Amino acid sequence: MTDRLQTIWVIGAVLLAGCSPGGESVTVYTSQDQVYAEPILQRFERESGVRVRAVYDSEAVKTVGLVNRLIAEKRYPRCDLFWNNEAFRTHQLAARGVLASDVPIEAFGARTRQWVWNTNQLSVAELPPSLAALTNAQWRGKVAIALPLFGSTATHFQVLRQSWGAARWQAWCRALLANNVMTVDGNSVVVQLVGRGEVALGLTDSDDVRAGLRNGLPIAGQPLGQDGMAIRNTLGHVRGAPRPDLAKRLAKFLQSSAVRAALVEAGAIDPGDSAATAIAWPGVVEANAQAVTELQSIFLE
């Protein structure tokens, strides 16, 4: 077989793989935790008769891995719908022309950024009044955060940079490290450290607090207030997707009251409506490369 024929055969095999012999299929890439997303997508399959081909992210790199995959596939998209459990990377894909320009980014449900503290060591009255206070001497070596290069912590830090200005933000980041803040691999690890009493206080997401409480950890959580952020699930329709109509059908299902109730019951999103933070996403996306460079120079050196 010549190289040209082999290439044609491989492309044809890929295209045929996208067609389900048993009926219609839709491909979704999702950064929503598989334990939450999989039952929802299985329910859609049962109710619609449409097969769902789901690609989940890796805990190590969170949403970044899927974003890079979507960018790499931009010329020949395989994904129909991107279900992200936060907003920044979805807007980043829109800016890169990966998402359909005629279908807006859709948002539903929310988690919140929260304080998490060990209830054997702190009371709610002893919480810092703001994130700025974490650089005070009383919190030296007592605080854990996820490394702010991935996931919701990265988004939160970049939103703070936009809100505070680069100079103040950089000074705060450096002061955190000078105050011996512990940086770890993910928000769930923050909760575990706090629960074990290795640190008294941490920054995490509301779903991770709920998971820690279900596991019997002596912790409590509370939204961050003025320094906080609502983290909304977002849906991005891929430009040139093989099955755009099925993507719209799945997107409508994911935004239904039944799915919202299921995600609340599972602990993936907060009950009620979290106050949405006004965020100028185009500005955050535009500043991302510079912000990442600054974060790497501060937290990785």
C-alpha atoms as a PDB file:
ATOM      1  CA  MET A   1       0.000   0.000   0.000  1.00  0.00           C
ATOM      2  CA  THR A   2       1.434   3.389  -0.993  1.00  0.00           C
ATOM      3  CA  ASP A   3       1.796   6.139   1.593  1.00  0.00           C
ATOM      4  CA  ARG A   4      -0.949   8.122  -0.171  1.00  0.00           C
ATOM      5  CA  LEU A   5      -3.395   5.213  -0.163  1.00  0.00           C
ATOM      6  CA  GLN A   6      -2.552   4.430   3.447  1.00  0.00           C
ATOM      7  CA  THR A   7      -3.284   8.035   4.430  1.00  0.00           C
ATOM      8  CA  ILE A   8      -6.620   7.935   2.591  1.00  0.00           C
ATOM      9  CA  TRP A   9      -7.488   4.645   4.307  1.00  0.00           C
ATOM     10  CA  VAL A  10      -6.681   6.045   7.770  1.00  0.00           C
ATOM     11  CA  ILE A  11      -8.751   9.188   7.169  1.00  0.00           C
ATOM     12  CA  GLY A  12     -11.636   7.070   5.928  1.00  0.00           C
ATOM     13  CA  ALA A  13     -11.432   4.824   8.977  1.00  0.00           C
ATOM     14  CA  VAL A  14     -11.541   7.839  11.272  1.00  0.00           C
ATOM     15  CA  LEU A  15     -14.582   9.236   9.474  1.00  0.00           C
ATOM     16  CA  LEU A  16     -16.368   5.912   9.567  1.00  0.00           C
ATOM     17  CA  ALA A  17     -15.608   5.570  13.273  1.00  0.00           C
ATOM     18  CA  GLY A  18     -17.620   8.720  13.840  1.00  0.00           C
ATOM     19  CA  CYS A  19     -20.723   7.044  12.422  1.00  0.00           C
ATOM     20  CA  SER A  20     -22.483   4.724  14.816  1.00  0.00           C
ATOM     21  CA  PRO A  21     -23.868   1.670  13.000  1.00  0.00           C
ATOM     22  CA  GLY A  22     -26.582   1.472  15.627  1.00  0.00           C
ATOM     23  CA  GLY A  23     -27.865   4.994  15.039  1.00  0.00           C
ATOM     24  CA  GLU A  24     -26.845   8.591  15.602  1.00  0.00           C
ATOM     25  CA  SER A  25     -23.920   9.597  17.773  1.00  0.00           C
ATOM     26  CA  VAL A  26     -22.552  12.835  19.210  1.00  0.00           C
ATOM     27  CA  THR A  27     -19.056  13.495  20.532  1.00  0.00           C
ATOM     28  CA  VAL A  28     -18.552  15.576  23.649  1.00  0.00           C
ATOM     29  CA  TYR A  29     -15.287  16.579  25.275  1.00  0.00           C
ATOM     30  CA  THR A  30     -15.850  17.407  28.924  1.00  0.00           C
ATOM     31  CA  SER A  31     -13.794  18.689  31.822  1.00  0.00           C
ATOM     32  CA  GLN A  32     -16.677  18.030  34.195  1.00  0.00           C
ATOM     33  CA  ASP A  33     -15.523  15.291  36.582  1.00  0.00           C
ATOM     34  CA  GLN A  34     -16.344  11.928  35.049  1.00  0.00           C
ATOM     35  CA  VAL A  35     -18.093  10.749  38.205  1.00  0.00           C
ATOM     36  CA  TYR A  36     -20.609  13.575  37.702  1.00  0.00           C
ATOM     37  CA  ALA A  37     -20.776  13.753  33.905  1.00  0.00           C
ATOM     38  CA  GLU A  38     -20.985  10.081  32.975  1.00  0.00           C
ATOM     39  CA  PRO A  39     -24.398   9.356  34.576  1.00  0.00           C
ATOM     40  CA  ILE A  40     -25.815  12.512  32.941  1.00  0.00           C
ATOM     41  CA  LEU A  41     -24.575  11.528  29.497  1.00  0.00           C
ATOM     42  CA  GLN A  42     -25.833   7.969  29.964  1.00  0.00           C
ATOM     43  CA  ARG A  43     -29.244   9.402  30.821  1.00  0.00           C
ATOM     44  CA  PHE A  44     -29.209  11.423  27.590  1.00  0.00           C
ATOM     45  CA  GLU A  45     -28.423   8.233  25.666  1.00  0.00           C
ATOM     46  CA  ARG A  46     -31.347   6.398  27.254  1.00  0.00           C
ATOM     47  CA  GLU A  47     -33.824   9.214  26.704  1.00  0.00           C
ATOM     48  CA  SER A  48     -32.737  10.260  23.201  1.00  0.00           C
ATOM     49  CA  GLY A  49     -31.451   7.068  21.629  1.00  0.00           C
ATOM     50  CA  VAL A  50     -28.351   9.016  20.574  1.00  0.00           C
ATOM     51  CA  ARG A  51     -25.009   7.459  21.411  1.00  0.00           C
ATOM     52  CA  VAL A  52     -22.585   9.738  23.272  1.00  0.00           C
ATOM     53  CA  ARG A  53     -18.875   9.446  22.636  1.00  0.00           C
ATOM     54  CA  ALA A  54     -17.337  11.182  25.660  1.00  0.00           C
ATOM     55  CA  VAL A  55     -13.721  12.217  26.111  1.00  0.00           C
ATOM     56  CA  TYR A  56     -12.822  13.215  29.675  1.00  0.00           C
ATOM     57  CA  ASP A  57      -9.918  15.294  30.889  1.00  0.00           C
ATOM     58  CA  SER A  58      -6.919  14.268  32.966  1.00  0.00           C
ATOM     59  CA  GLU A  59      -6.792  15.250  36.636  1.00  0.00           C
ATOM     60  CA  ALA A  60      -3.132  16.194  36.210  1.00  0.00           C
ATOM     61  CA  VAL A  61      -3.718  18.934  33.635  1.00  0.00           C
ATOM     62  CA  LYS A  62      -7.445  19.552  34.097  1.00  0.00           C
ATOM     63  CA  THR A  63      -9.110  21.438  31.236  1.00  0.00           C
ATOM     64  CA  VAL A  64      -5.842  22.410  29.538  1.00  0.00           C
ATOM     65  CA  GLY A  65      -5.415  18.991  27.914  1.00  0.00           C
ATOM     66  CA  LEU A  66      -8.818  19.088  26.240  1.00  0.00           C
ATOM     67  CA  VAL A  67      -8.311  22.685  25.135  1.00  0.00           C
ATOM     68  CA  ASN A  68      -5.030  21.783  23.450  1.00  0.00           C
ATOM     69  CA  ARG A  69      -6.702  18.818  21.775  1.00  0.00           C
ATOM     70  CA  LEU A  70      -9.517  21.000  20.426  1.00  0.00           C
ATOM     71  CA  ILE A  71      -7.000  23.527  19.103  1.00  0.00           C
ATOM     72  CA  ALA A  72      -4.996  20.746  17.430  1.00  0.00           C
ATOM     73  CA  GLU A  73      -8.177  19.425  15.793  1.00  0.00           C
ATOM     74  CA  LYS A  74      -9.363  22.844  14.643  1.00  0.00           C
ATOM     75  CA  ARG A  75      -8.983  22.137  10.898  1.00  0.00           C
ATOM     76  CA  TYR A  76     -10.594  18.697  11.152  1.00  0.00           C
ATOM     77  CA  PRO A  77     -12.844  18.773  14.226  1.00  0.00           C
ATOM     78  CA  ARG A  78     -13.975  15.515  15.767  1.00  0.00           C
ATOM     79  CA  CYS A  79     -15.782  16.993  18.763  1.00  0.00           C
ATOM     80  CA  ASP A  80     -19.313  18.375  18.527  1.00  0.00           C
ATOM     81  CA  LEU A  81     -19.746  19.951  21.959  1.00  0.00           C
ATOM     82  CA  PHE A  82     -17.303  21.074  24.655  1.00  0.00           C
ATOM     83  CA  TRP A  83     -18.808  20.786  28.152  1.00  0.00           C
ATOM     84  CA  ASN A  84     -16.502  22.662  30.467  1.00  0.00           C
ATOM     85  CA  ASN A  85     -16.986  22.958  34.227  1.00  0.00           C
ATOM     86  CA  GLU A  86     -15.588  26.509  34.148  1.00  0.00           C
ATOM     87  CA  ALA A  87     -15.667  29.451  31.736  1.00  0.00           C
ATOM     88  CA  PHE A  88     -12.188  30.791  31.016  1.00  0.00           C
ATOM     89  CA  ARG A  89     -10.915  28.027  28.747  1.00  0.00           C
ATOM     90  CA  THR A  90     -14.187  28.049  26.801  1.00  0.00           C
ATOM     91  CA  HIS A  91     -13.770  31.759  26.083  1.00  0.00           C
ATOM     92  CA  GLN A  92     -10.143  31.062  25.176  1.00  0.00           C
ATOM     93  CA  LEU A  93     -11.303  28.572  22.541  1.00  0.00           C
ATOM     94  CA  ALA A  94     -13.776  31.122  21.194  1.00  0.00           C
ATOM     95  CA  ALA A  95     -10.957  33.644  20.818  1.00  0.00           C
ATOM     96  CA  ARG A  96      -8.922  31.056  18.893  1.00  0.00           C
ATOM     97  CA  GLY A  97     -11.774  30.468  16.442  1.00  0.00           C
ATOM     98  CA  VAL A  98     -12.337  26.899  17.608  1.00  0.00           C
ATOM     99  CA  LEU A  99     -15.976  27.488  18.530  1.00  0.00           C
ATOM    100  CA  ALA A 100     -18.858  28.322  16.212  1.00  0.00           C
ATOM    101  CA  SER A 101     -19.325  32.077  15.968  1.00  0.00           C
ATOM    102  CA  ASP A 102     -23.062  31.821  15.307  1.00  0.00           C
ATOM    103  CA  VAL A 103     -23.839  29.935  18.541  1.00  0.00           C
ATOM    104  CA  PRO A 104     -23.130  31.773  21.811  1.00  0.00           C
ATOM    105  CA  ILE A 105     -21.333  30.181  24.737  1.00  0.00           C
ATOM    106  CA  GLU A 106     -24.020  28.835  27.056  1.00  0.00           C
ATOM    107  CA  ALA A 107     -23.650  28.771  30.837  1.00  0.00           C
ATOM    108  CA  PHE A 108     -25.517  26.878  33.547  1.00  0.00           C
ATOM    109  CA  GLY A 109     -25.103  25.938  37.191  1.00  0.00           C
ATOM    110  CA  ALA A 110     -22.237  27.159  39.333  1.00  0.00           C
ATOM    111  CA  ARG A 111     -19.689  26.301  41.961  1.00  0.00           C
ATOM    112  CA  THR A 112     -18.012  28.937  44.095  1.00  0.00           C
ATOM    113  CA  ARG A 113     -14.467  29.609  45.204  1.00  0.00           C
ATOM    114  CA  GLN A 114     -14.351  29.112  48.963  1.00  0.00           C
ATOM    115  CA  TRP A 115     -12.375  29.197  52.144  1.00  0.00           C
ATOM    116  CA  VAL A 116     -12.027  25.739  53.633  1.00  0.00           C
ATOM    117  CA  TRP A 117     -10.838  25.438  57.213  1.00  0.00           C
ATOM    118  CA  ASN A 118     -10.230  22.790  59.836  1.00  0.00           C
ATOM    119  CA  THR A 119     -12.952  23.218  62.434  1.00  0.00           C
ATOM    120  CA  ASN A 120     -10.680  21.824  65.157  1.00  0.00           C
ATOM    121  CA  GLN A 121      -8.252  24.679  64.569  1.00  0.00           C
ATOM    122  CA  LEU A 122     -10.316  27.676  63.445  1.00  0.00           C
ATOM    123  CA  SER A 123     -13.760  29.168  63.882  1.00  0.00           C
ATOM    124  CA  VAL A 124     -15.615  31.109  61.212  1.00  0.00           C
ATOM    125  CA  ALA A 125     -14.916  34.304  63.150  1.00  0.00           C
ATOM    126  CA  GLU A 126     -11.174  33.733  62.716  1.00  0.00           C
ATOM    127  CA  LEU A 127     -11.216  33.596  58.917  1.00  0.00           C
ATOM    128  CA  PRO A 128      -9.168  36.245  57.072  1.00  0.00           C
ATOM    129  CA  PRO A 129     -11.210  39.280  56.019  1.00  0.00           C
ATOM    130  CA  SER A 130      -9.817  39.067  52.475  1.00  0.00           C
ATOM    131  CA  LEU A 131      -7.314  37.238  50.302  1.00  0.00           C
ATOM    132  CA  ALA A 132      -4.861  40.066  50.852  1.00  0.00           C
ATOM    133  CA  ALA A 133      -4.715  39.116  54.551  1.00  0.00           C
ATOM    134  CA  LEU A 134      -3.186  35.718  53.695  1.00  0.00           C
ATOM    135  CA  THR A 135       0.194  37.429  53.531  1.00  0.00           C
ATOM    136  CA  ASN A 136      -0.020  38.434  57.206  1.00  0.00           C
ATOM    137  CA  ALA A 137       2.356  36.726  59.643  1.00  0.00           C
ATOM    138  CA  GLN A 138      -0.450  34.958  61.520  1.00  0.00           C
ATOM    139  CA  TRP A 139      -1.065  32.753  58.452  1.00  0.00           C
ATOM    140  CA  ARG A 140       2.574  31.857  57.846  1.00  0.00           C
ATOM    141  CA  GLY A 141       2.800  28.164  56.916  1.00  0.00           C
ATOM    142  CA  LYS A 142      -0.897  27.589  57.691  1.00  0.00           C
ATOM    143  CA  VAL A 143      -2.453  27.908  54.215  1.00  0.00           C
ATOM    144  CA  ALA A 144      -2.670  25.616  51.180  1.00  0.00           C
ATOM    145  CA  ILE A 145      -3.712  26.409  47.606  1.00  0.00           C
ATOM    146  CA  ALA A 146      -3.692  24.484  44.356  1.00  0.00           C
ATOM    147  CA  LEU A 147      -0.828  25.426  42.060  1.00  0.00           C
ATOM    148  CA  PRO A 148      -2.380  28.340  40.127  1.00  0.00           C
ATOM    149  CA  LEU A 149      -1.427  27.088  36.676  1.00  0.00           C
ATOM    150  CA  PHE A 150      -4.340  24.709  36.090  1.00  0.00           C
ATOM    151  CA  GLY A 151      -8.043  24.423  36.756  1.00  0.00           C
ATOM    152  CA  SER A 152     -10.239  26.859  38.618  1.00  0.00           C
ATOM    153  CA  THR A 153      -7.359  28.176  40.721  1.00  0.00           C
ATOM    154  CA  ALA A 154      -5.576  29.368  37.570  1.00  0.00           C
ATOM    155  CA  THR A 155      -8.750  31.079  36.400  1.00  0.00           C
ATOM    156  CA  HIS A 156      -9.310  32.658  39.816  1.00  0.00           C
ATOM    157  CA  PHE A 157      -5.774  34.026  39.942  1.00  0.00           C
ATOM    158  CA  GLN A 158      -6.056  35.507  36.467  1.00  0.00           C
ATOM    159  CA  VAL A 159      -9.388  37.128  37.302  1.00  0.00           C
ATOM    160  CA  LEU A 160      -7.769  38.641  40.400  1.00  0.00           C
ATOM    161  CA  ARG A 161      -4.965  39.992  38.211  1.00  0.00           C
ATOM    162  CA  GLN A 162      -7.526  41.745  36.029  1.00  0.00           C
ATOM    163  CA  SER A 163      -9.372  43.126  39.062  1.00  0.00           C
ATOM    164  CA  TRP A 164      -6.375  44.251  41.123  1.00  0.00           C
ATOM    165  CA  GLY A 165      -3.938  45.252  38.408  1.00  0.00           C
ATOM    166  CA  ALA A 166      -0.739  43.394  37.528  1.00  0.00           C
ATOM    167  CA  ALA A 167       1.597  45.158  39.968  1.00  0.00           C
ATOM    168  CA  ARG A 168      -0.520  44.617  43.077  1.00  0.00           C
ATOM    169  CA  TRP A 169      -1.298  41.052  42.021  1.00  0.00           C
ATOM    170  CA  GLN A 170       2.340  40.114  41.438  1.00  0.00           C
ATOM    171  CA  ALA A 171       3.326  41.543  44.808  1.00  0.00           C
ATOM    172  CA  TRP A 172       0.582  39.505  46.487  1.00  0.00           C
ATOM    173  CA  CYS A 173       1.628  36.276  44.738  1.00  0.00           C
ATOM    174  CA  ARG A 174       5.232  36.754  45.850  1.00  0.00           C
ATOM    175  CA  ALA A 175       4.116  37.595  49.375  1.00  0.00           C
ATOM    176  CA  LEU A 176       2.091  34.358  49.506  1.00  0.00           C
ATOM    177  CA  LEU A 177       5.205  32.331  48.802  1.00  0.00           C
ATOM    178  CA  ALA A 178       7.226  34.397  51.260  1.00  0.00           C
ATOM    179  CA  ASN A 179       4.589  33.526  53.848  1.00  0.00           C
ATOM    180  CA  ASN A 180       5.135  29.803  53.152  1.00  0.00           C
ATOM    181  CA  VAL A 181       1.820  29.097  51.463  1.00  0.00           C
ATOM    182  CA  MET A 182       1.736  25.435  50.411  1.00  0.00           C
ATOM    183  CA  THR A 183       1.031  24.817  46.703  1.00  0.00           C
ATOM    184  CA  VAL A 184      -0.350  21.373  45.852  1.00  0.00           C
ATOM    185  CA  ASP A 185      -1.763  19.367  42.943  1.00  0.00           C
ATOM    186  CA  GLY A 186      -5.409  20.342  42.963  1.00  0.00           C
ATOM    187  CA  ASN A 187      -8.276  21.641  45.063  1.00  0.00           C
ATOM    188  CA  SER A 188      -9.176  18.192  46.389  1.00  0.00           C
ATOM    189  CA  VAL A 189      -5.662  17.879  47.831  1.00  0.00           C
ATOM    190  CA  VAL A 190      -6.133  21.230  49.579  1.00  0.00           C
ATOM    191  CA  VAL A 191      -9.259  19.869  51.267  1.00  0.00           C
ATOM    192  CA  GLN A 192      -7.456  16.697  52.348  1.00  0.00           C
ATOM    193  CA  LEU A 193      -4.575  18.653  53.879  1.00  0.00           C
ATOM    194  CA  VAL A 194      -6.965  20.894  55.756  1.00  0.00           C
ATOM    195  CA  GLY A 195      -9.013  17.908  56.903  1.00  0.00           C
ATOM    196  CA  ARG A 196      -5.900  16.181  58.254  1.00  0.00           C
ATOM    197  CA  GLY A 197      -4.874  19.337  60.079  1.00  0.00           C
ATOM    198  CA  GLU A 198      -1.609  19.742  58.161  1.00  0.00           C
ATOM    199  CA  VAL A 199      -2.725  23.289  57.418  1.00  0.00           C
ATOM    200  CA  ALA A 200      -5.512  25.246  59.067  1.00  0.00           C
ATOM    201  CA  LEU A 201      -6.895  26.998  56.014  1.00  0.00           C
ATOM    202  CA  GLY A 202      -7.103  26.636  52.245  1.00  0.00           C
ATOM    203  CA  LEU A 203      -8.613  27.951  49.030  1.00  0.00           C
ATOM    204  CA  THR A 204     -10.737  25.491  47.075  1.00  0.00           C
ATOM    205  CA  ASP A 205     -14.060  25.024  45.264  1.00  0.00           C
ATOM    206  CA  SER A 206     -17.442  24.366  46.815  1.00  0.00           C
ATOM    207  CA  ASP A 207     -17.770  20.900  45.250  1.00  0.00           C
ATOM    208  CA  ASP A 208     -14.480  19.847  46.860  1.00  0.00           C
ATOM    209  CA  VAL A 209     -15.723  21.080  50.228  1.00  0.00           C
ATOM    210  CA  ARG A 210     -18.858  18.972  49.830  1.00  0.00           C
ATOM    211  CA  ALA A 211     -16.766  15.932  48.934  1.00  0.00           C
ATOM    212  CA  GLY A 212     -14.649  16.423  52.048  1.00  0.00           C
ATOM    213  CA  LEU A 213     -17.737  16.695  54.244  1.00  0.00           C
ATOM    214  CA  ARG A 214     -19.146  13.490  52.740  1.00  0.00           C
ATOM    215  CA  ASN A 215     -15.884  11.795  53.682  1.00  0.00           C
ATOM    216  CA  GLY A 216     -16.294  12.914  57.286  1.00  0.00           C
ATOM    217  CA  LEU A 217     -13.468  15.447  57.384  1.00  0.00           C
ATOM    218  CA  PRO A 218     -13.587  18.053  60.182  1.00  0.00           C
ATOM    219  CA  ILE A 219     -13.918  20.977  57.782  1.00  0.00           C
ATOM    220  CA  ALA A 220     -16.245  23.806  56.852  1.00  0.00           C
ATOM    221  CA  GLY A 221     -16.478  26.022  53.797  1.00  0.00           C
ATOM    222  CA  GLN A 222     -17.623  29.523  52.997  1.00  0.00           C
ATOM    223  CA  PRO A 223     -17.603  31.661  49.806  1.00  0.00           C
ATOM    224  CA  LEU A 224     -14.793  34.189  49.599  1.00  0.00           C
ATOM    225  CA  GLY A 225     -17.029  37.249  49.364  1.00  0.00           C
ATOM    226  CA  GLN A 226     -15.566  40.214  47.498  1.00  0.00           C
ATOM    227  CA  ASP A 227     -12.544  38.200  46.346  1.00  0.00           C
ATOM    228  CA  GLY A 228     -14.633  35.235  45.243  1.00  0.00           C
ATOM    229  CA  MET A 229     -15.899  33.940  41.945  1.00  0.00           C
ATOM    230  CA  ALA A 230     -18.787  31.889  40.645  1.00  0.00           C
ATOM    231  CA  ILE A 231     -17.514  29.056  38.447  1.00  0.00           C
ATOM    232  CA  ARG A 232     -20.158  28.251  35.869  1.00  0.00           C
ATOM    233  CA  ASN A 233     -20.437  25.228  33.616  1.00  0.00           C
ATOM    234  CA  THR A 234     -20.158  26.328  29.984  1.00  0.00           C
ATOM    235  CA  LEU A 235     -21.035  24.768  26.654  1.00  0.00           C
ATOM    236  CA  GLY A 236     -19.070  25.569  23.513  1.00  0.00           C
ATOM    237  CA  HIS A 237     -20.304  24.449  20.102  1.00  0.00           C
ATOM    238  CA  VAL A 238     -17.337  23.446  17.965  1.00  0.00           C
ATOM    239  CA  ARG A 239     -16.894  25.232  14.659  1.00  0.00           C
ATOM    240  CA  GLY A 240     -17.326  22.840  11.739  1.00  0.00           C
ATOM    241  CA  ALA A 241     -18.481  20.044  14.061  1.00  0.00           C
ATOM    242  CA  PRO A 242     -19.594  16.846  12.304  1.00  0.00           C
ATOM    243  CA  ARG A 243     -22.965  16.819  14.082  1.00  0.00           C
ATOM    244  CA  PRO A 244     -23.984  20.383  15.067  1.00  0.00           C
ATOM    245  CA  ASP A 245     -27.690  19.571  15.374  1.00  0.00           C
ATOM    246  CA  LEU A 246     -27.042  16.774  17.821  1.00  0.00           C
ATOM    247  CA  ALA A 247     -24.690  19.083  19.733  1.00  0.00           C
ATOM    248  CA  LYS A 248     -27.550  21.577  20.127  1.00  0.00           C
ATOM    249  CA  ARG A 249     -29.843  18.783  21.258  1.00  0.00           C
ATOM    250  CA  LEU A 250     -27.356  17.630  23.890  1.00  0.00           C
ATOM    251  CA  ALA A 251     -26.704  21.226  25.012  1.00  0.00           C
ATOM    252  CA  LYS A 252     -30.420  21.784  25.569  1.00  0.00           C
ATOM    253  CA  PHE A 253     -30.600  18.604  27.627  1.00  0.00           C
ATOM    254  CA  LEU A 254     -27.616  19.611  29.776  1.00  0.00           C
ATOM    255  CA  GLN A 255     -29.287  22.904  30.629  1.00  0.00           C
ATOM    256  CA  SER A 256     -32.557  21.268  31.680  1.00  0.00           C
ATOM    257  CA  SER A 257     -33.925  21.487  35.201  1.00  0.00           C
ATOM    258  CA  ALA A 258     -33.631  17.712  35.554  1.00  0.00           C
ATOM    259  CA  VAL A 259     -29.891  17.771  34.846  1.00  0.00           C
ATOM    260  CA  ARG A 260     -29.393  20.730  37.155  1.00  0.00           C
ATOM    261  CA  ALA A 261     -31.182  18.852  39.945  1.00  0.00           C
ATOM    262  CA  ALA A 262     -29.035  15.762  39.326  1.00  0.00           C
ATOM    263  CA  LEU A 263     -25.808  17.786  39.433  1.00  0.00           C
ATOM    264  CA  VAL A 264     -26.906  19.505  42.650  1.00  0.00           C
ATOM    265  CA  GLU A 265     -27.753  16.154  44.245  1.00  0.00           C
ATOM    266  CA  ALA A 266     -24.369  14.762  43.203  1.00  0.00           C
ATOM    267  CA  GLY A 267     -22.615  17.803  44.676  1.00  0.00           C
ATOM    268  CA  ALA A 268     -21.142  18.999  41.368  1.00  0.00           C
ATOM    269  CA  ILE A 269     -22.814  22.408  41.507  1.00  0.00           C
ATOM    270  CA  ASP A 270     -24.248  24.586  44.250  1.00  0.00           C
ATOM    271  CA  PRO A 271     -27.966  24.591  45.072  1.00  0.00           C
ATOM    272  CA  GLY A 272     -29.736  27.848  44.293  1.00  0.00           C
ATOM    273  CA  ASP A 273     -28.261  30.591  42.155  1.00  0.00           C
ATOM    274  CA  SER A 274     -24.749  31.704  43.040  1.00  0.00           C
ATOM    275  CA  ALA A 275     -24.146  35.380  42.460  1.00  0.00           C
ATOM    276  CA  ALA A 276     -22.479  35.682  39.069  1.00  0.00           C
ATOM    277  CA  THR A 277     -19.257  37.657  39.082  1.00  0.00           C
ATOM    278  CA  ALA A 278     -19.006  40.223  36.299  1.00  0.00           C
ATOM    279  CA  ILE A 279     -15.862  39.161  34.451  1.00  0.00           C
ATOM    280  CA  ALA A 280     -14.570  40.701  31.220  1.00  0.00           C
ATOM    281  CA  TRP A 281     -13.466  37.407  29.697  1.00  0.00           C
ATOM    282  CA  PRO A 282     -11.921  38.857  26.508  1.00  0.00           C
ATOM    283  CA  GLY A 283      -9.493  40.850  28.661  1.00  0.00           C
ATOM    284  CA  VAL A 284      -8.583  37.813  30.764  1.00  0.00           C
ATOM    285  CA  VAL A 285      -8.016  35.746  27.627  1.00  0.00           C
ATOM    286  CA  GLU A 286      -5.884  38.460  26.035  1.00  0.00           C
ATOM    287  CA  ALA A 287      -3.688  38.736  29.144  1.00  0.00           C
ATOM    288  CA  ASN A 288      -3.394  34.968  29.613  1.00  0.00           C
ATOM    289  CA  ALA A 289       0.040  34.432  28.067  1.00  0.00           C
ATOM    290  CA  GLN A 290       1.596  37.210  30.130  1.00  0.00           C
ATOM    291  CA  ALA A 291      -0.192  36.074  33.290  1.00  0.00           C
ATOM    292  CA  VAL A 292       0.991  32.480  32.833  1.00  0.00           C
ATOM    293  CA  THR A 293       4.564  33.666  32.331  1.00  0.00           C
ATOM    294  CA  GLU A 294       4.346  35.664  35.554  1.00  0.00           C
ATOM    295  CA  LEU A 295       2.788  32.765  37.471  1.00  0.00           C
ATOM    296  CA  GLN A 296       5.486  30.379  36.284  1.00  0.00           C
ATOM    297  CA  SER A 297       8.250  32.792  37.245  1.00  0.00           C
ATOM    298  CA  ILE A 298       6.761  33.205  40.719  1.00  0.00           C
ATOM    299  CA  PHE A 299       5.534  29.706  41.592  1.00  0.00           C
ATOM    300  CA  LEU A 300       7.902  27.450  39.642  1.00  0.00           C
ATOM    301  CA  GLU A 301      11.263  29.079  40.297  1.00  0.00           C
END
